[in-house]
Amino acid sequence: PVADAFNAAFQFPNTFRRLFAEGAFNAAFVPLFAKEIEQHGNEGAKRFSEEVFGVLFSALLALTIAMELAMPLIVRYLVAPGFADIPGKFETTVTLATIMFPYLICMSLGAM
């Protein structure tokens, strides 16, 4: 029962990690960063990466706060709809998902 809750809870932030830390974001950032180095040197690239870091951090923080607040609804209707009828399993899944979701910020910023 706890393993089911863990797997369901981990699936949700892991999906966002693929998008922000390893997926589309990095695919877009790396060529732009290389172009910035080419056109404006290391100082321009540093400034560019700091700006992107700030925007990404702000977006991830807002997303994380929104997801944390909506986690019971997200688990009930998206992540594990079948768990809502099982006493204890739903609550455990919500708690674990709430604990795990902020890791998205660390993984995404670390991957940048």
PDB file of N, CA and C in Angstrom:
ATOM      1  N   PRO A   1       0.818  -1.217   0.000  1.00  0.00           N
ATOM      2  CA  PRO A   1       0.000   0.000   0.000  1.00  0.00           C
ATOM      3  C   PRO A   1       0.854   1.270   0.000  1.00  0.00           C
ATOM      4  N   VAL A   2       1.908   1.293   0.798  1.00  0.00           N
ATOM      5  CA  VAL A   2       2.764   2.480   0.847  1.00  0.00           C
ATOM      6  C   VAL A   2       3.560   2.605  -0.455  1.00  0.00           C
ATOM      7  N   ALA A   3       3.959   1.485  -1.018  1.00  0.00           N
ATOM      8  CA  ALA A   3       4.697   1.524  -2.286  1.00  0.00           C
ATOM      9  C   ALA A   3       3.824   2.086  -3.402  1.00  0.00           C
ATOM     10  N   ASP A   4       2.542   1.720  -3.417  1.00  0.00           N
ATOM     11  CA  ASP A   4       1.618   2.281  -4.410  1.00  0.00           C
ATOM     12  C   ASP A   4       1.506   3.787  -4.248  1.00  0.00           C
ATOM     13  N   ALA A   5       1.364   4.228  -3.009  1.00  0.00           N
ATOM     14  CA  ALA A   5       1.252   5.664  -2.732  1.00  0.00           C
ATOM     15  C   ALA A   5       2.533   6.385  -3.143  1.00  0.00           C
ATOM     16  N   PHE A   6       3.687   5.785  -2.836  1.00  0.00           N
ATOM     17  CA  PHE A   6       4.964   6.393  -3.205  1.00  0.00           C
ATOM     18  C   PHE A   6       5.097   6.516  -4.721  1.00  0.00           C
ATOM     19  N   ASN A   7       4.807   5.442  -5.429  1.00  0.00           N
ATOM     20  CA  ASN A   7       4.931   5.461  -6.891  1.00  0.00           C
ATOM     21  C   ASN A   7       4.003   6.484  -7.523  1.00  0.00           C
ATOM     22  N   ALA A   8       2.773   6.540  -7.052  1.00  0.00           N
ATOM     23  CA  ALA A   8       1.822   7.517  -7.590  1.00  0.00           C
ATOM     24  C   ALA A   8       2.275   8.934  -7.270  1.00  0.00           C
ATOM     25  N   ALA A   9       2.738   9.149  -6.050  1.00  0.00           N
ATOM     26  CA  ALA A   9       3.174  10.486  -5.635  1.00  0.00           C
ATOM     27  C   ALA A   9       4.417  10.927  -6.399  1.00  0.00           C
ATOM     28  N   PHE A  10       5.313  10.006  -6.674  1.00  0.00           N
ATOM     29  CA  PHE A  10       6.562  10.345  -7.353  1.00  0.00           C
ATOM     30  C   PHE A  10       6.360  10.594  -8.844  1.00  0.00           C
ATOM     31  N   GLN A  11       5.370   9.953  -9.424  1.00  0.00           N
ATOM     32  CA  GLN A  11       5.102  10.089 -10.856  1.00  0.00           C
ATOM     33  C   GLN A  11       4.835  11.537 -11.254  1.00  0.00           C
ATOM     34  N   PHE A  12       4.084  12.247 -10.453  1.00  0.00           N
ATOM     35  CA  PHE A  12       3.657  13.601 -10.809  1.00  0.00           C
ATOM     36  C   PHE A  12       4.829  14.582 -10.890  1.00  0.00           C
ATOM     37  N   PRO A  13       5.639  14.747  -9.830  1.00  0.00           N
ATOM     38  CA  PRO A  13       6.771  15.673  -9.965  1.00  0.00           C
ATOM     39  C   PRO A  13       7.809  15.186 -10.974  1.00  0.00           C
ATOM     40  N   ASN A  14       7.912  13.887 -11.139  1.00  0.00           N
ATOM     41  CA  ASN A  14       8.876  13.338 -12.087  1.00  0.00           C
ATOM     42  C   ASN A  14       8.515  13.711 -13.525  1.00  0.00           C
ATOM     43  N   THR A  15       7.239  13.805 -13.820  1.00  0.00           N
ATOM     44  CA  THR A  15       6.796  14.233 -15.151  1.00  0.00           C
ATOM     45  C   THR A  15       7.238  15.666 -15.423  1.00  0.00           C
ATOM     46  N   PHE A  16       7.070  16.537 -14.442  1.00  0.00           N
ATOM     47  CA  PHE A  16       7.497  17.925 -14.589  1.00  0.00           C
ATOM     48  C   PHE A  16       9.017  18.030 -14.656  1.00  0.00           C
ATOM     49  N   ARG A  17       9.717  17.151 -13.940  1.00  0.00           N
ATOM     50  CA  ARG A  17      11.186  17.154 -13.989  1.00  0.00           C
ATOM     51  C   ARG A  17      11.666  16.871 -15.404  1.00  0.00           C
ATOM     52  N   ARG A  18      11.022  15.923 -16.060  1.00  0.00           N
ATOM     53  CA  ARG A  18      11.415  15.602 -17.440  1.00  0.00           C
ATOM     54  C   ARG A  18      11.276  16.816 -18.345  1.00  0.00           C
ATOM     55  N   LEU A  19      10.241  17.589 -18.118  1.00  0.00           N
ATOM     56  CA  LEU A  19      10.003  18.768 -18.945  1.00  0.00           C
ATOM     57  C   LEU A  19      10.995  19.881 -18.627  1.00  0.00           C
ATOM     58  N   PHE A  20      11.120  20.235 -17.353  1.00  0.00           N
ATOM     59  CA  PHE A  20      11.940  21.382 -16.967  1.00  0.00           C
ATOM     60  C   PHE A  20      13.423  21.059 -16.861  1.00  0.00           C
ATOM     61  N   ALA A  21      13.779  19.924 -16.304  1.00  0.00           N
ATOM     62  CA  ALA A  21      15.191  19.646 -16.039  1.00  0.00           C
ATOM     63  C   ALA A  21      15.898  18.987 -17.217  1.00  0.00           C
ATOM     64  N   GLU A  22      15.202  18.151 -17.944  1.00  0.00           N
ATOM     65  CA  GLU A  22      15.888  17.380 -18.982  1.00  0.00           C
ATOM     66  C   GLU A  22      15.305  17.576 -20.364  1.00  0.00           C
ATOM     67  N   GLY A  23      14.154  18.148 -20.447  1.00  0.00           N
ATOM     68  CA  GLY A  23      13.441  18.153 -21.711  1.00  0.00           C
ATOM     69  C   GLY A  23      13.518  19.438 -22.488  1.00  0.00           C
ATOM     70  N   ALA A  24      12.375  19.983 -22.752  1.00  0.00           N
ATOM     71  CA  ALA A  24      12.238  21.130 -23.650  1.00  0.00           C
ATOM     72  C   ALA A  24      13.028  22.342 -23.169  1.00  0.00           C
ATOM     73  N   PHE A  25      13.077  22.548 -21.874  1.00  0.00           N
ATOM     74  CA  PHE A  25      13.788  23.724 -21.374  1.00  0.00           C
ATOM     75  C   PHE A  25      15.265  23.672 -21.742  1.00  0.00           C
ATOM     76  N   ASN A  26      15.916  22.557 -21.453  1.00  0.00           N
ATOM     77  CA  ASN A  26      17.344  22.443 -21.783  1.00  0.00           C
ATOM     78  C   ASN A  26      17.580  22.466 -23.280  1.00  0.00           C
ATOM     79  N   ALA A  27      16.686  21.859 -24.029  1.00  0.00           N
ATOM     80  CA  ALA A  27      16.823  21.861 -25.488  1.00  0.00           C
ATOM     81  C   ALA A  27      16.765  23.282 -26.039  1.00  0.00           C
ATOM     82  N   ALA A  28      16.016  24.146 -25.388  1.00  0.00           N
ATOM     83  CA  ALA A  28      15.918  25.540 -25.829  1.00  0.00           C
ATOM     84  C   ALA A  28      17.050  26.394 -25.253  1.00  0.00           C
ATOM     85  N   PHE A  29      17.452  26.110 -24.022  1.00  0.00           N
ATOM     86  CA  PHE A  29      18.430  26.958 -23.333  1.00  0.00           C
ATOM     87  C   PHE A  29      19.840  26.824 -23.906  1.00  0.00           C
ATOM     88  N   VAL A  30      20.287  25.613 -24.140  1.00  0.00           N
ATOM     89  CA  VAL A  30      21.682  25.387 -24.544  1.00  0.00           C
ATOM     90  C   VAL A  30      22.047  26.119 -25.838  1.00  0.00           C
ATOM     91  N   PRO A  31      21.252  26.025 -26.905  1.00  0.00           N
ATOM     92  CA  PRO A  31      21.615  26.769 -28.122  1.00  0.00           C
ATOM     93  C   PRO A  31      21.609  28.289 -27.913  1.00  0.00           C
ATOM     94  N   LEU A  32      20.658  28.782 -27.139  1.00  0.00           N
ATOM     95  CA  LEU A  32      20.618  30.226 -26.873  1.00  0.00           C
ATOM     96  C   LEU A  32      21.822  30.668 -26.050  1.00  0.00           C
ATOM     97  N   PHE A  33      22.221  29.842 -25.100  1.00  0.00           N
ATOM     98  CA  PHE A  33      23.381  30.154 -24.273  1.00  0.00           C
ATOM     99  C   PHE A  33      24.651  30.161 -25.127  1.00  0.00           C
ATOM    100  N   ALA A  34      24.790  29.175 -25.996  1.00  0.00           N
ATOM    101  CA  ALA A  34      25.958  29.121 -26.887  1.00  0.00           C
ATOM    102  C   ALA A  34      25.991  30.335 -27.809  1.00  0.00           C
ATOM    103  N   LYS A  35      24.850  30.730 -28.306  1.00  0.00           N
ATOM    104  CA  LYS A  35      24.764  31.908 -29.171  1.00  0.00           C
ATOM    105  C   LYS A  35      25.146  33.174 -28.396  1.00  0.00           C
ATOM    106  N   GLU A  36      24.733  33.238 -27.152  1.00  0.00           N
ATOM    107  CA  GLU A  36      25.058  34.396 -26.308  1.00  0.00           C
ATOM    108  C   GLU A  36      26.564  34.471 -26.067  1.00  0.00           C
ATOM    109  N   ILE A  37      27.215  33.346 -25.837  1.00  0.00           N
ATOM    110  CA  ILE A  37      28.675  33.324 -25.672  1.00  0.00           C
ATOM    111  C   ILE A  37      29.344  33.813 -26.950  1.00  0.00           C
ATOM    112  N   GLU A  38      28.852  33.336 -28.070  1.00  0.00           N
ATOM    113  CA  GLU A  38      29.416  33.697 -29.364  1.00  0.00           C
ATOM    114  C   GLU A  38      29.285  35.194 -29.643  1.00  0.00           C
ATOM    115  N   GLN A  39      28.137  35.761 -29.341  1.00  0.00           N
ATOM    116  CA  GLN A  39      27.873  37.158 -29.680  1.00  0.00           C
ATOM    117  C   GLN A  39      28.368  38.148 -28.631  1.00  0.00           C
ATOM    118  N   HIS A  40      28.267  37.787 -27.348  1.00  0.00           N
ATOM    119  CA  HIS A  40      28.567  38.759 -26.292  1.00  0.00           C
ATOM    120  C   HIS A  40      29.638  38.299 -25.307  1.00  0.00           C
ATOM    121  N   GLY A  41      30.243  37.173 -25.563  1.00  0.00           N
ATOM    122  CA  GLY A  41      31.312  36.695 -24.696  1.00  0.00           C
ATOM    123  C   GLY A  41      30.789  36.114 -23.393  1.00  0.00           C
ATOM    124  N   ASN A  42      31.725  35.805 -22.519  1.00  0.00           N
ATOM    125  CA  ASN A  42      31.377  35.171 -21.246  1.00  0.00           C
ATOM    126  C   ASN A  42      30.520  36.062 -20.360  1.00  0.00           C
ATOM    127  N   GLU A  43      30.801  37.355 -20.376  1.00  0.00           N
ATOM    128  CA  GLU A  43      30.033  38.272 -19.519  1.00  0.00           C
ATOM    129  C   GLU A  43      28.566  38.329 -19.953  1.00  0.00           C
ATOM    130  N   GLY A  44      28.331  38.401 -21.248  1.00  0.00           N
ATOM    131  CA  GLY A  44      26.962  38.399 -21.760  1.00  0.00           C
ATOM    132  C   GLY A  44      26.250  37.086 -21.473  1.00  0.00           C
ATOM    133  N   ALA A  45      26.980  35.984 -21.599  1.00  0.00           N
ATOM    134  CA  ALA A  45      26.401  34.673 -21.312  1.00  0.00           C
ATOM    135  C   ALA A  45      26.070  34.537 -19.832  1.00  0.00           C
ATOM    136  N   LYS A  46      26.943  35.082 -18.984  1.00  0.00           N
ATOM    137  CA  LYS A  46      26.682  35.042 -17.545  1.00  0.00           C
ATOM    138  C   LYS A  46      25.418  35.822 -17.222  1.00  0.00           C
ATOM    139  N   ARG A  47      25.286  36.996 -17.781  1.00  0.00           N
ATOM    140  CA  ARG A  47      24.102  37.826 -17.551  1.00  0.00           C
ATOM    141  C   ARG A  47      22.839  37.105 -18.054  1.00  0.00           C
ATOM    142  N   PHE A  48      22.943  36.510 -19.240  1.00  0.00           N
ATOM    143  CA  PHE A  48      21.820  35.764 -19.813  1.00  0.00           C
ATOM    144  C   PHE A  48      21.406  34.608 -18.901  1.00  0.00           C
ATOM    145  N   SER A  49      22.386  33.848 -18.430  1.00  0.00           N
ATOM    146  CA  SER A  49      22.057  32.703 -17.575  1.00  0.00           C
ATOM    147  C   SER A  49      21.467  33.151 -16.241  1.00  0.00           C
ATOM    148  N   GLU A  50      21.932  34.276 -15.705  1.00  0.00           N
ATOM    149  CA  GLU A  50      21.356  34.796 -14.462  1.00  0.00           C
ATOM    150  C   GLU A  50      19.903  35.216 -14.664  1.00  0.00           C
ATOM    151  N   GLU A  51      19.620  35.829 -15.809  1.00  0.00           N
ATOM    152  CA  GLU A  51      18.241  36.227 -16.104  1.00  0.00           C
ATOM    153  C   GLU A  51      17.344  35.002 -16.269  1.00  0.00           C
ATOM    154  N   VAL A  52      17.825  34.014 -16.995  1.00  0.00           N
ATOM    155  CA  VAL A  52      17.049  32.788 -17.197  1.00  0.00           C
ATOM    156  C   VAL A  52      16.844  32.073 -15.865  1.00  0.00           C
ATOM    157  N   PHE A  53      17.892  32.025 -15.055  1.00  0.00           N
ATOM    158  CA  PHE A  53      17.806  31.404 -13.736  1.00  0.00           C
ATOM    159  C   PHE A  53      16.717  32.076 -12.905  1.00  0.00           C
ATOM    160  N   GLY A  54      16.700  33.406 -12.904  1.00  0.00           N
ATOM    161  CA  GLY A  54      15.702  34.147 -12.136  1.00  0.00           C
ATOM    162  C   GLY A  54      14.285  33.881 -12.609  1.00  0.00           C
ATOM    163  N   VAL A  55      14.102  33.873 -13.916  1.00  0.00           N
ATOM    164  CA  VAL A  55      12.766  33.608 -14.471  1.00  0.00           C
ATOM    165  C   VAL A  55      12.348  32.170 -14.174  1.00  0.00           C
ATOM    166  N   LEU A  56      13.264  31.229 -14.389  1.00  0.00           N
ATOM    167  CA  LEU A  56      12.950  29.824 -14.144  1.00  0.00           C
ATOM    168  C   LEU A  56      12.633  29.590 -12.673  1.00  0.00           C
ATOM    169  N   PHE A  57      13.432  30.171 -11.784  1.00  0.00           N
ATOM    170  CA  PHE A  57      13.183  30.002 -10.356  1.00  0.00           C
ATOM    171  C   PHE A  57      11.818  30.561  -9.979  1.00  0.00           C
ATOM    172  N   SER A  58      11.494  31.744 -10.472  1.00  0.00           N
ATOM    173  CA  SER A  58      10.196  32.352 -10.165  1.00  0.00           C
ATOM    174  C   SER A  58       9.044  31.496 -10.683  1.00  0.00           C
ATOM    175  N   ALA A  59       9.176  31.015 -11.906  1.00  0.00           N
ATOM    176  CA  ALA A  59       8.117  30.180 -12.491  1.00  0.00           C
ATOM    177  C   ALA A  59       7.969  28.865 -11.731  1.00  0.00           C
ATOM    178  N   LEU A  60       9.091  28.245 -11.395  1.00  0.00           N
ATOM    179  CA  LEU A  60       9.033  26.981 -10.663  1.00  0.00           C
ATOM    180  C   LEU A  60       8.483  27.171  -9.259  1.00  0.00           C
ATOM    181  N   LEU A  61       8.843  28.270  -8.621  1.00  0.00           N
ATOM    182  CA  LEU A  61       8.328  28.542  -7.284  1.00  0.00           C
ATOM    183  C   LEU A  61       6.816  28.741  -7.326  1.00  0.00           C
ATOM    184  N   ALA A  62       6.336  29.520  -8.279  1.00  0.00           N
ATOM    185  CA  ALA A  62       4.891  29.741  -8.415  1.00  0.00           C
ATOM    186  C   ALA A  62       4.175  28.425  -8.732  1.00  0.00           C
ATOM    187  N   LEU A  63       4.746  27.640  -9.641  1.00  0.00           N
ATOM    188  CA  LEU A  63       4.155  26.349  -9.990  1.00  0.00           C
ATOM    189  C   LEU A  63       4.114  25.421  -8.778  1.00  0.00           C
ATOM    190  N   THR A  64       5.205  25.387  -8.030  1.00  0.00           N
ATOM    191  CA  THR A  64       5.274  24.520  -6.857  1.00  0.00           C
ATOM    192  C   THR A  64       4.251  24.924  -5.811  1.00  0.00           C
ATOM    193  N   ILE A  65       4.137  26.207  -5.539  1.00  0.00           N
ATOM    194  CA  ILE A  65       3.155  26.673  -4.550  1.00  0.00           C
ATOM    195  C   ILE A  65       1.738  26.316  -4.999  1.00  0.00           C
ATOM    196  N   ALA A  66       1.438  26.554  -6.272  1.00  0.00           N
ATOM    197  CA  ALA A  66       0.103  26.228  -6.791  1.00  0.00           C
ATOM    198  C   ALA A  66      -0.172  24.726  -6.690  1.00  0.00           C
ATOM    199  N   MET A  67       0.806  23.919  -7.044  1.00  0.00           N
ATOM    200  CA  MET A  67       0.624  22.466  -6.991  1.00  0.00           C
ATOM    201  C   MET A  67       0.495  21.968  -5.556  1.00  0.00           C
ATOM    202  N   GLU A  68       1.275  22.545  -4.658  1.00  0.00           N
ATOM    203  CA  GLU A  68       1.182  22.149  -3.255  1.00  0.00           C
ATOM    204  C   GLU A  68      -0.220  22.428  -2.709  1.00  0.00           C
ATOM    205  N   LEU A  69      -0.762  23.591  -3.044  1.00  0.00           N
ATOM    206  CA  LEU A  69      -2.095  23.948  -2.561  1.00  0.00           C
ATOM    207  C   LEU A  69      -3.183  23.075  -3.190  1.00  0.00           C
ATOM    208  N   ALA A  70      -2.984  22.704  -4.430  1.00  0.00           N
ATOM    209  CA  ALA A  70      -3.991  21.912  -5.149  1.00  0.00           C
ATOM    210  C   ALA A  70      -3.725  20.407  -5.092  1.00  0.00           C
ATOM    211  N   MET A  71      -2.718  19.981  -4.347  1.00  0.00           N
ATOM    212  CA  MET A  71      -2.315  18.570  -4.373  1.00  0.00           C
ATOM    213  C   MET A  71      -3.446  17.592  -4.055  1.00  0.00           C
ATOM    214  N   PRO A  72      -4.308  17.850  -3.069  1.00  0.00           N
ATOM    215  CA  PRO A  72      -5.402  16.889  -2.845  1.00  0.00           C
ATOM    216  C   PRO A  72      -6.290  16.710  -4.084  1.00  0.00           C
ATOM    217  N   LEU A  73      -6.580  17.784  -4.776  1.00  0.00           N
ATOM    218  CA  LEU A  73      -7.400  17.687  -5.987  1.00  0.00           C
ATOM    219  C   LEU A  73      -6.640  16.998  -7.116  1.00  0.00           C
ATOM    220  N   ILE A  74      -5.364  17.323  -7.233  1.00  0.00           N
ATOM    221  CA  ILE A  74      -4.537  16.723  -8.287  1.00  0.00           C
ATOM    222  C   ILE A  74      -4.429  15.211  -8.096  1.00  0.00           C
ATOM    223  N   VAL A  75      -4.188  14.800  -6.855  1.00  0.00           N
ATOM    224  CA  VAL A  75      -4.094  13.362  -6.582  1.00  0.00           C
ATOM    225  C   VAL A  75      -5.446  12.691  -6.811  1.00  0.00           C
ATOM    226  N   ARG A  76      -6.506  13.330  -6.344  1.00  0.00           N
ATOM    227  CA  ARG A  76      -7.845  12.735  -6.461  1.00  0.00           C
ATOM    228  C   ARG A  76      -8.277  12.554  -7.920  1.00  0.00           C
ATOM    229  N   TYR A  77      -7.991  13.539  -8.778  1.00  0.00           N
ATOM    230  CA  TYR A  77      -8.533  13.501 -10.138  1.00  0.00           C
ATOM    231  C   TYR A  77      -7.518  13.166 -11.236  1.00  0.00           C
ATOM    232  N   LEU A  78      -6.235  13.365 -10.983  1.00  0.00           N
ATOM    233  CA  LEU A  78      -5.243  13.141 -12.035  1.00  0.00           C
ATOM    234  C   LEU A  78      -4.264  12.013 -11.734  1.00  0.00           C
ATOM    235  N   VAL A  79      -3.666  12.062 -10.574  1.00  0.00           N
ATOM    236  CA  VAL A  79      -2.563  11.151 -10.265  1.00  0.00           C
ATOM    237  C   VAL A  79      -3.059   9.755  -9.908  1.00  0.00           C
ATOM    238  N   ALA A  80      -3.993   9.674  -8.969  1.00  0.00           N
ATOM    239  CA  ALA A  80      -4.461   8.369  -8.491  1.00  0.00           C
ATOM    240  C   ALA A  80      -5.940   8.432  -8.133  1.00  0.00           C
ATOM    241  N   PRO A  81      -6.814   8.522  -9.119  1.00  0.00           N
ATOM    242  CA  PRO A  81      -8.242   8.643  -8.826  1.00  0.00           C
ATOM    243  C   PRO A  81      -8.802   7.475  -8.014  1.00  0.00           C
ATOM    244  N   GLY A  82      -8.258   6.300  -8.189  1.00  0.00           N
ATOM    245  CA  GLY A  82      -8.750   5.133  -7.458  1.00  0.00           C
ATOM    246  C   GLY A  82      -8.408   5.135  -5.982  1.00  0.00           C
ATOM    247  N   PHE A  83      -7.444   5.941  -5.577  1.00  0.00           N
ATOM    248  CA  PHE A  83      -7.020   5.958  -4.179  1.00  0.00           C
ATOM    249  C   PHE A  83      -7.994   6.713  -3.280  1.00  0.00           C
ATOM    250  N   ALA A  84      -8.860   7.530  -3.840  1.00  0.00           N
ATOM    251  CA  ALA A  84      -9.764   8.360  -3.037  1.00  0.00           C
ATOM    252  C   ALA A  84     -10.693   7.513  -2.177  1.00  0.00           C
ATOM    253  N   ASP A  85     -11.001   6.312  -2.615  1.00  0.00           N
ATOM    254  CA  ASP A  85     -11.926   5.447  -1.881  1.00  0.00           C
ATOM    255  C   ASP A  85     -11.227   4.529  -0.881  1.00  0.00           C
ATOM    256  N   ILE A  86      -9.919   4.565  -0.845  1.00  0.00           N
ATOM    257  CA  ILE A  86      -9.168   3.679   0.048  1.00  0.00           C
ATOM    258  C   ILE A  86      -8.664   4.496   1.234  1.00  0.00           C
ATOM    259  N   PRO A  87      -9.212   4.257   2.423  1.00  0.00           N
ATOM    260  CA  PRO A  87      -8.810   5.039   3.599  1.00  0.00           C
ATOM    261  C   PRO A  87      -7.306   4.923   3.865  1.00  0.00           C
ATOM    262  N   GLY A  88      -6.699   6.046   4.091  1.00  0.00           N
ATOM    263  CA  GLY A  88      -5.277   6.101   4.403  1.00  0.00           C
ATOM    264  C   GLY A  88      -4.385   6.189   3.179  1.00  0.00           C
ATOM    265  N   LYS A  89      -4.735   5.509   2.123  1.00  0.00           N
ATOM    266  CA  LYS A  89      -3.902   5.493   0.921  1.00  0.00           C
ATOM    267  C   LYS A  89      -3.918   6.850   0.225  1.00  0.00           C
ATOM    268  N   PHE A  90      -5.094   7.444   0.127  1.00  0.00           N
ATOM    269  CA  PHE A  90      -5.217   8.764  -0.496  1.00  0.00           C
ATOM    270  C   PHE A  90      -4.421   9.800   0.291  1.00  0.00           C
ATOM    271  N   GLU A  91      -4.602   9.817   1.608  1.00  0.00           N
ATOM    272  CA  GLU A  91      -3.906  10.783   2.458  1.00  0.00           C
ATOM    273  C   GLU A  91      -2.394  10.600   2.385  1.00  0.00           C
ATOM    274  N   THR A  92      -1.951   9.350   2.373  1.00  0.00           N
ATOM    275  CA  THR A  92      -0.515   9.073   2.267  1.00  0.00           C
ATOM    276  C   THR A  92       0.033   9.559   0.931  1.00  0.00           C
ATOM    277  N   THR A  93      -0.720   9.331  -0.133  1.00  0.00           N
ATOM    278  CA  THR A  93      -0.287   9.773  -1.462  1.00  0.00           C
ATOM    279  C   THR A  93      -0.195  11.287  -1.527  1.00  0.00           C
ATOM    280  N   VAL A  94      -1.190  11.978  -0.979  1.00  0.00           N
ATOM    281  CA  VAL A  94      -1.169  13.449  -0.963  1.00  0.00           C
ATOM    282  C   VAL A  94       0.022  13.948  -0.155  1.00  0.00           C
ATOM    283  N   THR A  95       0.251  13.362   0.999  1.00  0.00           N
ATOM    284  CA  THR A  95       1.377  13.781   1.846  1.00  0.00           C
ATOM    285  C   THR A  95       2.706  13.564   1.129  1.00  0.00           C
ATOM    286  N   LEU A  96       2.886  12.395   0.542  1.00  0.00           N
ATOM    287  CA  LEU A  96       4.139  12.112  -0.166  1.00  0.00           C
ATOM    288  C   LEU A  96       4.323  13.020  -1.378  1.00  0.00           C
ATOM    289  N   ALA A  97       3.263  13.256  -2.126  1.00  0.00           N
ATOM    290  CA  ALA A  97       3.363  14.140  -3.295  1.00  0.00           C
ATOM    291  C   ALA A  97       3.698  15.563  -2.867  1.00  0.00           C
ATOM    292  N   THR A  98       3.126  15.994  -1.758  1.00  0.00           N
ATOM    293  CA  THR A  98       3.410  17.333  -1.239  1.00  0.00           C
ATOM    294  C   THR A  98       4.868  17.451  -0.805  1.00  0.00           C
ATOM    295  N   ILE A  99       5.395  16.398  -0.235  1.00  0.00           N
ATOM    296  CA  ILE A  99       6.801  16.397   0.186  1.00  0.00           C
ATOM    297  C   ILE A  99       7.730  16.345  -1.032  1.00  0.00           C
ATOM    298  N   MET A 100       7.360  15.559  -2.041  1.00  0.00           N
ATOM    299  CA  MET A 100       8.241  15.333  -3.189  1.00  0.00           C
ATOM    300  C   MET A 100       8.233  16.455  -4.218  1.00  0.00           C
ATOM    301  N   PHE A 101       7.146  17.171  -4.359  1.00  0.00           N
ATOM    302  CA  PHE A 101       7.044  18.115  -5.469  1.00  0.00           C
ATOM    303  C   PHE A 101       8.109  19.218  -5.453  1.00  0.00           C
ATOM    304  N   PRO A 102       8.495  19.758  -4.291  1.00  0.00           N
ATOM    305  CA  PRO A 102       9.525  20.808  -4.318  1.00  0.00           C
ATOM    306  C   PRO A 102      10.872  20.364  -4.885  1.00  0.00           C
ATOM    307  N   TYR A 103      11.098  19.070  -4.981  1.00  0.00           N
ATOM    308  CA  TYR A 103      12.361  18.611  -5.571  1.00  0.00           C
ATOM    309  C   TYR A 103      12.486  19.058  -7.023  1.00  0.00           C
ATOM    310  N   LEU A 104      11.358  19.374  -7.635  1.00  0.00           N
ATOM    311  CA  LEU A 104      11.366  19.876  -9.009  1.00  0.00           C
ATOM    312  C   LEU A 104      12.227  21.131  -9.128  1.00  0.00           C
ATOM    313  N   ILE A 105      12.133  22.010  -8.154  1.00  0.00           N
ATOM    314  CA  ILE A 105      12.924  23.248  -8.177  1.00  0.00           C
ATOM    315  C   ILE A 105      14.415  22.913  -8.163  1.00  0.00           C
ATOM    316  N   CYS A 106      14.808  22.069  -7.230  1.00  0.00           N
ATOM    317  CA  CYS A 106      16.231  21.718  -7.099  1.00  0.00           C
ATOM    318  C   CYS A 106      16.759  21.021  -8.348  1.00  0.00           C
ATOM    319  N   MET A 107      16.012  20.069  -8.856  1.00  0.00           N
ATOM    320  CA  MET A 107      16.468  19.319 -10.029  1.00  0.00           C
ATOM    321  C   MET A 107      16.536  20.205 -11.270  1.00  0.00           C
ATOM    322  N   SER A 108      15.554  21.056 -11.445  1.00  0.00           N
ATOM    323  CA  SER A 108      15.519  21.908 -12.638  1.00  0.00           C
ATOM    324  C   SER A 108      16.625  22.950 -12.619  1.00  0.00           C
ATOM    325  N   LEU A 109      16.827  23.577 -11.474  1.00  0.00           N
ATOM    326  CA  LEU A 109      17.876  24.591 -11.389  1.00  0.00           C
ATOM    327  C   LEU A 109      19.259  23.950 -11.438  1.00  0.00           C
ATOM    328  N   GLY A 110      19.383  22.771 -10.863  1.00  0.00           N
ATOM    329  CA  GLY A 110      20.651  22.054 -10.920  1.00  0.00           C
ATOM    330  C   GLY A 110      21.003  21.601 -12.329  1.00  0.00           C
ATOM    331  N   ALA A 111      20.002  21.249 -13.098  1.00  0.00           N
ATOM    332  CA  ALA A 111      20.232  20.796 -14.473  1.00  0.00           C
ATOM    333  C   ALA A 111      20.595  21.949 -15.394  1.00  0.00           C
ATOM    334  N   MET A 112      20.256  23.161 -14.990  1.00  0.00           N
ATOM    335  CA  MET A 112      20.549  24.319 -15.830  1.00  0.00           C
ATOM    336  C   MET A 112      22.028  24.576 -15.809  1.00  0.00           C
TER     337      MET A 112
END
